[in-house]
Each structure stands twice: as structure tokens, then as C-alpha cells.
Protein backbone atom coordinates (compact mmCIF):
# COMPACT_ATOMS: atom_id res chain seq x y z
CA UNK A 1 5.64 21.74 -38.41
CA UNK A 2 7.81 24.37 -36.71
CA UNK A 3 8.09 24.16 -32.97
CA UNK A 4 7.13 27.02 -30.73
CA UNK A 5 9.60 28.66 -28.37
CA UNK A 6 7.92 26.84 -25.50
CA UNK A 7 8.90 23.41 -26.82
CA UNK A 8 11.75 22.92 -24.38
CA UNK A 9 9.73 23.75 -21.21
CA UNK A 10 6.95 21.52 -22.51
CA UNK A 11 9.37 18.62 -22.79
CA UNK A 12 10.64 19.35 -19.31
CA UNK A 13 7.09 19.42 -17.96
CA UNK A 14 6.31 16.19 -19.77
CA UNK A 15 9.30 14.40 -18.26
CA UNK A 16 8.28 15.64 -14.82
CA UNK A 17 4.75 14.41 -15.38
CA UNK A 18 6.00 10.99 -16.50
CA UNK A 19 8.26 10.71 -13.45
CA UNK A 20 5.40 11.71 -11.14
CA UNK A 21 2.94 9.33 -12.78
CA UNK A 22 5.38 6.45 -12.43
CA UNK A 23 5.97 7.34 -8.78
CA UNK A 24 2.28 6.93 -7.94
CA UNK A 25 2.01 3.48 -9.52
CA UNK A 26 2.74 1.65 -6.23
CA UNK A 27 -0.08 3.57 -4.54
CA UNK A 28 -2.51 2.80 -7.36
CA UNK A 29 -1.72 -0.91 -7.09
CA UNK A 30 -1.99 -0.83 -3.30
CA UNK A 31 -5.33 1.02 -3.23
CA UNK A 32 -7.21 -1.04 -5.81
CA UNK A 33 -10.07 -2.90 -4.13
CA UNK A 34 -9.50 -1.16 -0.77
CA UNK A 35 -12.24 0.48 1.25
CA UNK A 36 -11.90 4.16 2.16
CA UNK A 37 -14.35 6.07 4.36
CA UNK A 38 -14.26 9.81 3.58
CA UNK A 39 -15.98 12.20 5.99
CA UNK A 40 -16.64 15.88 5.34
CA UNK A 41 -18.85 18.52 6.92
CA UNK A 42 -21.71 20.38 5.31
CA UNK A 43 -19.34 23.34 4.96
CA UNK A 44 -17.72 21.62 1.97
CA UNK A 45 -21.03 21.68 0.13
CA UNK A 46 -22.05 25.14 1.38
CA UNK A 47 -18.73 26.67 0.26
CA UNK A 48 -18.94 25.15 -3.21
CA UNK A 49 -15.82 23.05 -2.58
CA UNK A 50 -17.56 19.74 -3.25
CA UNK A 51 -17.20 20.17 -7.02
CA UNK A 52 -13.41 19.82 -6.77
CA UNK A 53 -13.77 17.04 -4.22
CA UNK A 54 -16.10 15.24 -6.63
CA UNK A 55 -13.34 15.15 -9.24
CA UNK A 56 -10.95 13.55 -6.76
CA UNK A 57 -13.52 11.03 -5.56
CA UNK A 58 -14.24 10.10 -9.18
CA UNK A 59 -10.55 9.49 -9.75
CA UNK A 60 -10.33 7.24 -6.69
CA UNK A 61 -13.40 5.31 -7.79
CA UNK A 62 -11.99 4.88 -11.31
CA UNK A 63 -8.82 3.41 -9.78
CA UNK A 64 -10.84 0.72 -8.05
CA UNK A 65 -11.12 2.24 -4.58
CA UNK A 66 -14.34 1.34 -2.76
CA UNK A 67 -15.71 4.58 -1.36
CA UNK A 68 -18.04 5.26 1.54
CA UNK A 69 -18.83 8.96 1.90
CA UNK A 70 -20.18 10.42 5.13
CA UNK A 71 -21.48 13.97 4.97
CA UNK A 72 -22.41 16.44 7.67
CA UNK A 73 -24.97 19.22 7.57
CA UNK A 74 -24.23 21.56 10.48
CA UNK A 75 -24.36 24.92 8.61
CA UNK A 76 -27.46 23.84 6.72
CA UNK A 77 -29.17 22.76 9.96
CA UNK A 78 -28.30 26.06 11.60
CA UNK A 79 -29.71 27.91 8.59
CA UNK A 80 -33.01 25.98 8.81
CA UNK A 81 -33.27 26.59 12.54
CA UNK A 82 -32.66 30.30 12.09
CA UNK A 83 -35.20 30.55 9.28
CA UNK A 84 -37.83 28.91 11.51
CA UNK A 85 -36.88 30.95 14.59
CA UNK A 86 -35.91 27.81 16.52
CA UNK A 87 -33.24 28.08 19.18
CA UNK A 88 -30.11 26.02 18.47
CA UNK A 89 -29.38 24.40 21.83
CA UNK A 90 -26.24 22.48 22.82
CA UNK A 91 -25.35 20.46 25.89
CA UNK A 92 -21.71 19.50 26.41
CA UNK A 93 -21.01 20.38 22.77
CA UNK A 94 -23.77 18.08 21.52
CA UNK A 95 -26.88 19.45 19.80
CA UNK A 96 -30.08 18.86 21.75
CA UNK A 97 -32.59 17.61 19.22
CA UNK A 98 -36.24 18.11 20.09
CA UNK A 99 -39.10 17.39 17.66
CA UNK A 100 -38.90 20.79 15.94
CA UNK A 101 -35.13 20.62 15.61
CA UNK A 102 -35.31 17.07 14.24
CA UNK A 103 -37.60 18.25 11.46
CA UNK A 104 -35.02 20.88 10.47
CA UNK A 105 -32.25 18.26 10.68
CA UNK A 106 -34.10 15.94 8.31
CA UNK A 107 -34.82 18.72 5.84
CA UNK A 108 -31.23 20.01 5.90
CA UNK A 109 -29.64 16.55 5.63
CA UNK A 110 -31.97 15.64 2.77
CA UNK A 111 -31.15 18.83 0.89
CA UNK A 112 -27.39 18.31 1.31
CA UNK A 113 -27.69 14.71 0.20
CA UNK A 114 -29.56 15.70 -2.97
CA UNK A 115 -26.89 18.29 -3.81
CA UNK A 116 -24.11 15.73 -3.31
CA UNK A 117 -25.85 13.12 -5.45
CA UNK A 118 -26.42 15.70 -8.19
CA UNK A 119 -22.74 16.67 -8.26
CA UNK A 120 -21.65 13.04 -8.27
CA UNK A 121 -23.94 12.49 -11.27
CA UNK A 122 -22.13 15.02 -13.46
CA UNK A 123 -20.67 13.69 -16.70
CA UNK A 124 -19.85 16.74 -18.78
CA UNK A 125 -17.56 16.13 -21.74
CA UNK A 126 -14.04 17.56 -21.49
CA UNK A 127 -14.28 17.65 -17.68
CA UNK A 128 -12.80 15.44 -14.94
CA UNK A 129 -16.26 13.87 -14.60
CA UNK A 130 -16.55 12.84 -18.26
CA UNK A 131 -17.89 9.28 -18.51
CA UNK A 132 -17.73 8.98 -14.71
CA UNK A 133 -21.01 7.09 -14.36
CA UNK A 134 -20.87 7.15 -10.55
CA UNK A 135 -23.80 5.35 -9.01
CA UNK A 136 -24.66 6.47 -5.49
CA UNK A 137 -26.22 4.07 -3.00
CA UNK A 138 -28.02 5.00 0.18
CA UNK A 139 -30.40 3.41 2.65
CA UNK A 140 -31.11 2.62 6.24
CA UNK A 141 -27.60 1.29 6.81
CA UNK A 142 -27.21 2.88 10.26
CA UNK A 143 -29.16 1.65 13.27
CA UNK A 144 -29.14 4.24 16.03
CA UNK A 145 -30.08 4.57 19.65
CA UNK A 146 -30.75 7.64 21.81
CA UNK A 147 -27.91 9.20 23.75
CA UNK A 148 -30.37 9.50 26.57
CA UNK A 149 -29.90 11.65 29.64
CA UNK A 150 -26.44 13.19 30.14
CA UNK A 151 -25.73 15.19 33.29
CA UNK A 152 -29.42 15.57 33.93
CA UNK A 153 -30.35 16.70 30.41
CA UNK A 154 -32.38 14.51 28.05
CA UNK A 155 -30.93 14.91 24.55
CA UNK A 156 -34.20 13.54 23.08
CA UNK A 157 -33.71 12.74 19.37
CA UNK A 158 -29.94 13.09 19.47
CA UNK A 159 -28.49 9.61 19.08
CA UNK A 160 -25.38 7.53 18.49
CA UNK A 161 -24.58 4.63 16.20
CA UNK A 162 -25.73 1.29 17.51
CA UNK A 163 -25.08 -0.91 14.49
CA UNK A 164 -23.81 -0.65 10.90
CA UNK A 165 -25.32 -2.92 8.25
CA UNK A 166 -21.98 -4.15 6.97
CA UNK A 167 -23.39 -6.79 4.62
CA UNK A 168 -25.64 -4.29 2.85
CA UNK A 169 -22.86 -1.72 2.43
CA UNK A 170 -20.38 -4.31 1.15
CA UNK A 171 -23.01 -5.55 -1.28
CA UNK A 172 -23.33 -2.04 -2.76
CA UNK A 173 -19.55 -1.60 -2.88
CA UNK A 174 -19.18 -4.92 -4.67
CA UNK A 175 -21.34 -3.47 -7.46
CA UNK A 176 -18.91 -0.53 -7.77
CA UNK A 177 -21.36 1.89 -6.21
CA UNK A 178 -20.35 4.77 -3.96
CA UNK A 179 -22.17 4.54 -0.64
CA UNK A 180 -23.34 7.89 0.76
CA UNK A 181 -24.25 8.06 4.46
CA UNK A 182 -26.10 10.97 6.05
CA UNK A 183 -25.85 11.93 9.74
CA UNK A 184 -29.14 10.20 10.50
CA UNK A 185 -29.89 6.84 12.06
CA UNK A 186 -32.98 4.73 12.53
CA UNK A 187 -34.24 2.59 15.39
CA UNK A 188 -36.06 -0.76 15.12
CA UNK A 189 -39.18 1.08 16.30
CA UNK A 190 -39.03 3.50 13.36
CA UNK A 191 -37.62 6.51 15.16
CA UNK A 192 -35.16 8.87 13.49
CA UNK A 193 -32.09 10.16 15.36
CA UNK A 194 -29.75 13.03 14.69
CA UNK A 195 -26.18 11.69 14.66
CA UNK A 196 -22.80 13.33 14.45
CA UNK A 197 -20.70 13.08 11.32
CA UNK A 198 -17.67 11.81 13.22
CA UNK A 199 -19.62 9.06 15.01
CA UNK A 200 -21.12 7.73 11.77
CA UNK A 201 -17.76 7.83 9.96
CA UNK A 202 -15.76 6.25 12.77
CA UNK A 203 -18.21 3.45 13.52
CA UNK A 204 -18.68 2.70 9.83
CA UNK A 205 -14.91 2.51 9.22
CA UNK A 206 -14.51 0.18 12.20
CA UNK A 207 -17.42 -2.04 11.19
CA UNK A 208 -16.20 -2.33 7.59
CA UNK A 209 -12.59 -2.87 8.72
CA UNK A 210 -11.78 -0.04 6.32
CA UNK A 211 -8.27 0.50 5.05
CA UNK A 212 -8.52 4.28 5.48
CA UNK A 213 -10.67 6.77 7.35
CA UNK A 214 -10.24 10.31 6.02
CA UNK A 215 -11.53 13.43 7.76
CA UNK A 216 -11.65 16.73 5.85
CA UNK A 217 -11.43 19.58 8.35
CA UNK A 218 -10.59 23.28 8.74
CA UNK A 219 -6.94 22.97 9.85
CA UNK A 220 -4.00 21.38 8.05
CA UNK A 221 -3.58 18.60 10.59
CA UNK A 222 -2.00 18.07 13.99
CA UNK A 223 0.73 20.58 14.83
CA UNK A 224 3.54 20.25 17.36
CA UNK A 225 4.46 22.87 19.95
CA UNK A 226 6.47 24.79 17.36
CA UNK A 227 3.59 24.90 14.92
CA UNK A 228 5.14 22.29 12.62
CA UNK A 229 2.82 19.78 10.96
CA UNK A 230 3.05 16.26 12.40
CA UNK A 231 2.71 14.17 9.27
CA UNK A 232 2.66 10.79 11.00
CA UNK A 233 1.62 9.84 14.51
CA UNK A 234 1.19 6.50 16.23
CA UNK A 235 -1.83 5.97 18.45
CA UNK A 236 0.42 6.50 21.48
CA UNK A 237 1.74 9.79 20.11
CA UNK A 238 -1.75 11.00 19.21
CA UNK A 239 -3.01 10.10 22.68
CA UNK A 240 -0.13 12.08 24.18
CA UNK A 241 -1.18 15.12 22.14
CA UNK A 242 -4.74 14.79 23.41
CA UNK A 243 -3.69 14.38 27.04
CA UNK A 244 -1.25 17.29 26.93
CA UNK A 245 -1.90 20.72 28.37
CA UNK A 246 -1.87 22.52 25.03
CA UNK A 247 -5.15 23.97 23.79
CA UNK A 248 -5.98 22.24 20.53
CA UNK A 249 -8.07 23.59 17.63
CA UNK A 250 -11.70 22.56 17.85
CA UNK A 251 -11.56 20.20 14.88
CA UNK A 252 -8.45 18.44 16.19
CA UNK A 253 -10.17 17.97 19.55
CA UNK A 254 -13.13 16.55 17.64
CA UNK A 255 -11.48 14.30 15.06
CA UNK A 256 -8.21 13.15 16.64
CA UNK A 257 -9.96 11.04 19.33
CA UNK A 258 -11.97 9.43 16.52
CA UNK A 259 -8.75 8.69 14.64
CA UNK A 260 -7.26 7.05 17.73
CA UNK A 261 -10.40 5.00 18.36
CA UNK A 262 -10.55 3.85 14.73
CA UNK A 263 -6.91 2.76 14.62
CA UNK A 264 -7.21 0.94 17.95
CA UNK A 265 -10.19 -0.94 16.53
CA UNK A 266 -8.32 -2.09 13.42
CA UNK A 267 -8.61 0.68 10.80
CA UNK A 268 -5.20 0.68 9.13
CA UNK A 269 -4.82 4.45 8.60
CA UNK A 270 -6.71 7.57 9.58
CA UNK A 271 -5.94 10.86 7.83
CA UNK A 272 -6.72 14.39 9.01
CA UNK A 273 -6.42 16.85 6.11
CA UNK A 274 -7.55 20.35 5.22
CA UNK A 275 -10.77 20.82 3.27
CA UNK A 276 -9.46 24.15 2.02
CA UNK A 277 -6.66 22.71 -0.16
CA UNK A 278 -7.67 21.77 -3.68
CA UNK A 279 -6.78 18.14 -4.32
CA UNK A 280 -5.90 17.54 -0.66
CA UNK A 281 -7.01 13.90 -0.79
CA UNK A 282 -4.84 13.19 -3.83
CA UNK A 283 -1.82 14.94 -2.32
CA UNK A 284 -2.26 13.02 0.91
CA UNK A 285 -2.75 9.59 -0.63
CA UNK A 286 -0.41 9.69 -3.63
CA UNK A 287 2.74 11.28 -2.22
CA UNK A 288 5.35 10.12 0.27
CA UNK A 289 5.09 13.20 2.49
CA UNK A 290 1.35 13.71 2.29
CA UNK A 291 -0.30 17.02 3.11
CA UNK A 292 -1.93 16.34 6.49
CA UNK A 293 -1.55 14.12 9.54
CA UNK A 294 -1.76 10.33 9.34
CA UNK A 295 -2.49 8.27 12.44
CA UNK A 296 -1.48 4.61 12.61
CA UNK A 297 -1.64 2.06 15.41
CA UNK A 298 2.10 1.48 15.54
CA UNK A 299 5.11 2.70 13.60
CA UNK A 300 5.18 2.06 9.86
CA UNK A 301 8.92 1.40 9.92
CA UNK A 302 10.31 -2.12 9.64
CA UNK A 303 14.02 -2.97 9.65
CA UNK A 304 14.61 -6.47 8.29
CA UNK A 305 16.90 -8.72 6.30
CA UNK A 306 16.62 -8.21 2.54
CA UNK A 307 15.20 -10.88 0.25
CA UNK A 308 15.47 -11.49 -3.48
CA UNK A 309 12.13 -9.69 -3.90
CA UNK A 310 13.77 -6.48 -2.65
CA UNK A 311 16.36 -6.29 -5.44
CA UNK A 312 14.25 -4.00 -7.62
CA UNK A 313 13.54 -1.59 -4.76
CA UNK A 314 17.19 -1.51 -3.68
CA UNK A 315 18.34 -0.82 -7.23
CA UNK A 316 15.86 2.03 -7.49
CA UNK A 317 17.30 3.46 -4.28
CA UNK A 318 20.98 3.05 -5.24
CA UNK A 319 20.97 4.03 -8.92
CA UNK A 320 20.62 7.83 -8.42
CA UNK A 321 23.54 7.75 -5.97
CA UNK A 322 25.58 5.61 -8.36
CA UNK A 323 24.87 8.08 -11.17
CA UNK A 324 26.18 10.91 -8.97
CA UNK A 325 29.30 8.90 -8.15
CA UNK A 326 28.42 8.65 -4.46
CA UNK A 327 28.25 4.85 -4.58
CA UNK A 328 30.04 2.24 -6.66
CA UNK A 329 27.85 0.78 -9.39
CA UNK A 330 26.38 -2.66 -8.75
CA UNK A 331 24.66 -4.72 -11.42
CA UNK A 332 21.38 -6.50 -10.77
CA UNK A 333 23.20 -9.83 -11.08
CA UNK A 334 25.76 -8.86 -8.43
CA UNK A 335 23.07 -7.54 -6.13
CA UNK A 336 21.07 -10.75 -6.49
CA UNK A 337 24.14 -12.80 -5.54
CA UNK A 338 24.91 -10.61 -2.54
CA UNK A 339 21.36 -9.90 -1.36
CA UNK A 340 21.98 -11.92 1.81
CA UNK A 341 24.40 -9.22 3.00
CA UNK A 342 21.74 -6.48 2.83
CA UNK A 343 19.19 -5.15 5.27
CA UNK A 344 16.36 -2.81 4.29
CA UNK A 345 14.31 -0.20 6.10
CA UNK A 346 10.68 -0.29 5.02
CA UNK A 347 8.22 2.55 5.50
CA UNK A 348 4.63 1.53 4.91
CA UNK A 349 5.81 -1.47 2.83
CA UNK A 350 8.08 0.65 0.61
CA UNK A 351 11.87 0.46 0.78
CA UNK A 352 13.11 3.71 2.29
CA UNK A 353 16.72 2.72 3.02
CA UNK A 354 19.28 -0.06 2.84
CA UNK A 355 22.76 -1.06 3.99
CA UNK A 356 25.09 -4.04 3.61
CA UNK A 357 27.79 -5.73 5.69
CA UNK A 358 30.80 -7.44 4.09
CA UNK A 359 32.79 -9.29 6.78
CA UNK A 360 36.54 -9.92 6.65
CA UNK A 361 36.64 -12.45 9.44
CA UNK A 362 40.39 -13.19 9.25
CA UNK A 363 41.11 -9.63 10.32
CA UNK A 364 38.03 -9.21 12.55
CA UNK A 365 36.78 -6.33 10.41
CA UNK A 366 33.64 -5.58 8.45
CA UNK A 367 32.79 -3.15 5.67
CA UNK A 368 29.64 -1.07 5.87
CA UNK A 369 28.50 -0.57 2.26
CA UNK A 370 25.54 0.80 0.31
CA UNK A 371 24.15 2.81 3.21
CA UNK A 372 21.44 4.84 1.49
CA UNK A 373 18.14 6.47 2.45
CA UNK A 374 15.45 7.87 0.15
CA UNK A 375 15.58 11.71 0.13
CA UNK A 376 12.01 11.96 1.44
CA UNK A 377 12.96 10.01 4.58
CA UNK A 378 16.26 11.62 5.46
CA UNK A 379 16.68 13.37 8.82
CA UNK A 380 14.24 10.89 10.36
CA UNK A 381 16.82 8.61 11.97
CA UNK A 382 16.72 5.90 9.30
CA UNK A 383 20.46 6.13 8.63
CA UNK A 384 21.26 5.78 12.34
CA UNK A 385 18.94 2.78 12.60
CA UNK A 386 20.61 1.04 9.66
CA UNK A 387 24.07 1.81 11.04
CA UNK A 388 23.07 0.48 14.46
CA UNK A 389 21.72 -2.73 12.95
CA UNK A 390 24.86 -3.34 10.89
CA UNK A 391 27.07 -2.61 13.92
CA UNK A 392 25.14 -5.11 16.04
CA UNK A 393 25.33 -7.70 13.27
CA UNK A 394 29.10 -7.18 12.97
CA UNK A 395 29.57 -7.62 16.72
CA UNK A 396 27.49 -10.81 16.64
CA UNK A 397 29.94 -12.14 14.03
CA UNK A 398 32.87 -11.40 16.35
CA UNK A 399 34.14 -8.44 14.34
CA UNK A 400 36.01 -5.75 16.30
CA UNK A 401 35.91 -2.86 13.86
CA UNK A 402 33.71 -1.48 11.14
CA UNK A 403 35.07 0.53 8.21
CA UNK A 404 33.49 2.48 5.39
CA UNK A 405 34.75 4.05 2.15
CA UNK A 406 33.07 7.31 1.19
CA UNK A 407 33.57 10.26 -1.14
CA UNK A 408 30.75 12.59 -0.03
CA UNK A 409 29.50 11.74 3.46
CA UNK A 410 32.62 11.94 5.61
CA UNK A 411 31.08 14.32 8.17
CA UNK A 412 28.07 12.09 8.72
CA UNK A 413 30.29 9.18 9.72
CA UNK A 414 32.63 11.33 11.82
CA UNK A 415 29.63 12.57 13.79
CA UNK A 416 28.80 8.95 14.57
CA UNK A 417 32.15 7.90 15.95
CA UNK A 418 34.13 6.97 12.83
CA UNK A 419 37.72 8.18 12.46
CA UNK A 420 39.64 8.69 9.24
CA UNK A 421 42.47 6.24 8.65
CA UNK A 422 44.97 5.24 5.96
CA UNK A 423 44.26 2.93 3.08
CA UNK A 424 46.99 0.66 4.48
CA UNK A 425 44.73 -0.09 7.48
CA UNK A 426 42.15 -1.76 5.25
CA UNK A 427 41.92 -5.57 5.32
CA UNK A 428 44.36 -7.06 2.83
CA UNK A 429 41.69 -8.34 0.45
CA UNK A 430 39.85 -5.00 0.43
CA UNK A 431 43.05 -3.05 -0.02
CA UNK A 432 43.84 -4.99 -3.18
CA UNK A 433 40.46 -3.94 -4.63
CA UNK A 434 40.76 -0.25 -3.68
CA UNK A 435 39.88 2.08 -6.57
CA UNK A 436 42.50 4.84 -6.61
CA UNK A 437 40.54 6.78 -9.26
CA UNK A 438 37.61 7.30 -6.87
CA UNK A 439 39.98 8.34 -4.05
CA UNK A 440 37.47 7.31 -1.43
CA UNK A 441 38.32 8.25 2.14
CA UNK A 442 38.52 5.45 4.67
CA UNK A 443 36.82 5.71 8.06
CA UNK A 444 36.88 3.14 10.82
CA UNK A 445 35.04 2.63 14.08
CA UNK A 446 35.92 0.30 16.90
CA UNK A 447 33.02 -1.87 17.97
């Protein structure tokens, strides 16, 4: 069969797809069997965006992720109140729920829940939901209590989460069901309380010891003073943003404190991402950079000695640089023999950088070799951290100078105190192994 003129681009696209699919394999393996709590406002349903979100949730479920969905219903509640000519009253940014308002809340939340369950039940052929067979579980999983009187105002049927029925939720998740929670809670006396989306999501994630809490919101994430997206924040950094003098967007002021509280209570990761970006959850979870802001309790970076289990990750990091001629080729066998000389920088349990030290003790010198950082993590200080660690290790061994051979990164080393020197200044053993075809420049730094 003759090929069309688009055959070459198609092959190019296919190779890109294969490379991308392989790159997400570590995430797929890491997420299987994990519990994610995903929270989204009623706006997602009202705007018709839940159809696309359904496709992404189905994909996560099919990969073995245990999903707890928490929906809001603010626009739907406001619509019901307006239709019934009931005043929508707030006190300190919290809706005051009297008996009439509670009736509208129940009707709106029930309607939203039915729409969500209907969309999760889709199974059209030739669509992302084909053969999905998502079973949705619900129930009285949330025990609530009244907020009570705040600053002299009784909030009546407005409540907060008192208890989450963890055993019941885990039981549903164990049967591969998606648990759907509405912003309603129930008391032991049979009362119904109007809850906030963020309270239900945060308390549920904490109670379940969830691996991720994900908030879909109006903005892209947390921005710095220059308007740049902060893709990763520790709890301390997030707290500093909240305590600063800058005026924050309403949804950041609402969700970032919840993210901090969740991480402090043991939730591994909290993500703040835009509900307006199609596939935002997939882009956030299955890429190194993500698309929003991720909050963690402490830094995800770990600098440690390499082990034999790191050989595959180090090879994956070095091979592109070896192919470009930036680094000298090393076989797996050689790397396995010399793994004790390496240190690695991990980011979220993935190798983001590495470096090695080869001491020449007779001449009180050491070679810094294989300093490499994944492209996605460059300009984040990883190279400096690896260099600092190797320098400290060399000093601990009694070495007085550190040298490096490079063909492409001379300026980087010069900026960090290295000075170019002659090949004759290399340790005798290293000088005898010098590759004159590569014509590497020699740089040295006194420790």
C-alpha cells in the first residue's frame, strides 16, 4: 500500500508518543493502589467541564488509583435560593444556613450528585469512557456538628466535619468503587448540616491518610511576587505566602490553608490546579514539572550515596550526555563496579542528578566526574548541591584540590571557583589516561 505524504510526521509523532508513554511508567507504578482525594466546586458541573474531568478520573481509576471525589454546589445553591426568593446570607465568609436555606442546599447538592453519577456511568463505545464500568459509592460517611455561634451570630445548620467513617470508605475503595462525597454531614441525632467543600475534602484526606489531596480551582496555582507559578512549596514556604502582606486570590486564600493543614497532618502531597485547563489532573500528576502548585511537608530533595539499585537511573541520566559527547561513555558493568564513588540527588524518589569522586590520594587530588542533572531540574541548585557534597567528601579524605575535565561546561565551573590549568598538572595516573582526541579542558579548584 502506498504511503501518504504525512507518513514521516506520523512516525515522528509516534516516536514522541512512545517516549512520553515510557516516561510516565514510573508514575503509573507509583500511583497504583494509592488513595487520591479530588475536590472540585459545583462550577465544574455547571460549566460542563465535568465531562472532560470524568475521562481523566476514569483513566486514574483504570490505573488502580483509589478515588474519593468531593463535590461542591455553590452556584447551584445560589440558583435555588434566587429562584425561591431567599436571601443568601454570609457571616465571616461562611454561609448562614437557616431551615429554608438548608432545604435549597439539600436540593442543589442532590441534583449535582445525580448529574455527577450520571456522567460517571457513561460507557459509550469509541469514547474515553468505553467499558469504564465505574461504580459510585455514597452514604452517610461524614458525621458533622454545628459551627455554633461565631462573633454573636448563630450559623444554625452550617456545620463542620466531626468524624469521617474511614472503615466504610476504605471498604468501598477495596471493591474498586469511586466514593463520592457531597458537602453535607449528619449528626447522631439525625440532623443535616451544610458543610464546605474544602472542609470535607481536607478532613477526609487526613482521616484516610491519603497520598494526594487535589483541589481544582479558578487560578493556575500559587504565584510569587513576579507572577511566576510556584510549582512546589514546602509547608513552611506556603505558610510564609499566607502570612505575607500580598493580597492573594480568593481561591488561594481558601485552599492553601487547607493544603498546609493536610500536609501537616500527614497527607503526602496536596495539589492546587486550574479547573479551566483540559486534562489538568493528568498534566499535574504525570509530568515532572506539573501544571499547578504542589505543597509538601518538607523538601522532596534527597542527596545520598548511590547504591547498586541506582545504576539504571544513573545510566538513564548519563546516556544522553554520552551520546552528545559531553561525558565519556561508561558501561553498566563499569558503573556497577564504581557505584561506591557516586552520589545521587533524588527528587520525589526519582534520580534527578548524580556526581562521582575519584581520589588520587598520593597527590592529594580528586577528580569530579559524571556531574549531571536532568534537564527538567536544572537551574534549581542541584548542580551546586552535588558539587558541594563532592567537595566536602574530598576534604574529608584529606584531598587539597579538586579537578574536572570538561568539553562543554567550562563557564559553569569557572563561575564556581575553578581555574583552567595544563594537562601536565593532572595527577600522574590520570595524565596517562588522558584522551587527546576529546581535547577536554582541565579545571582545578583548591579546597
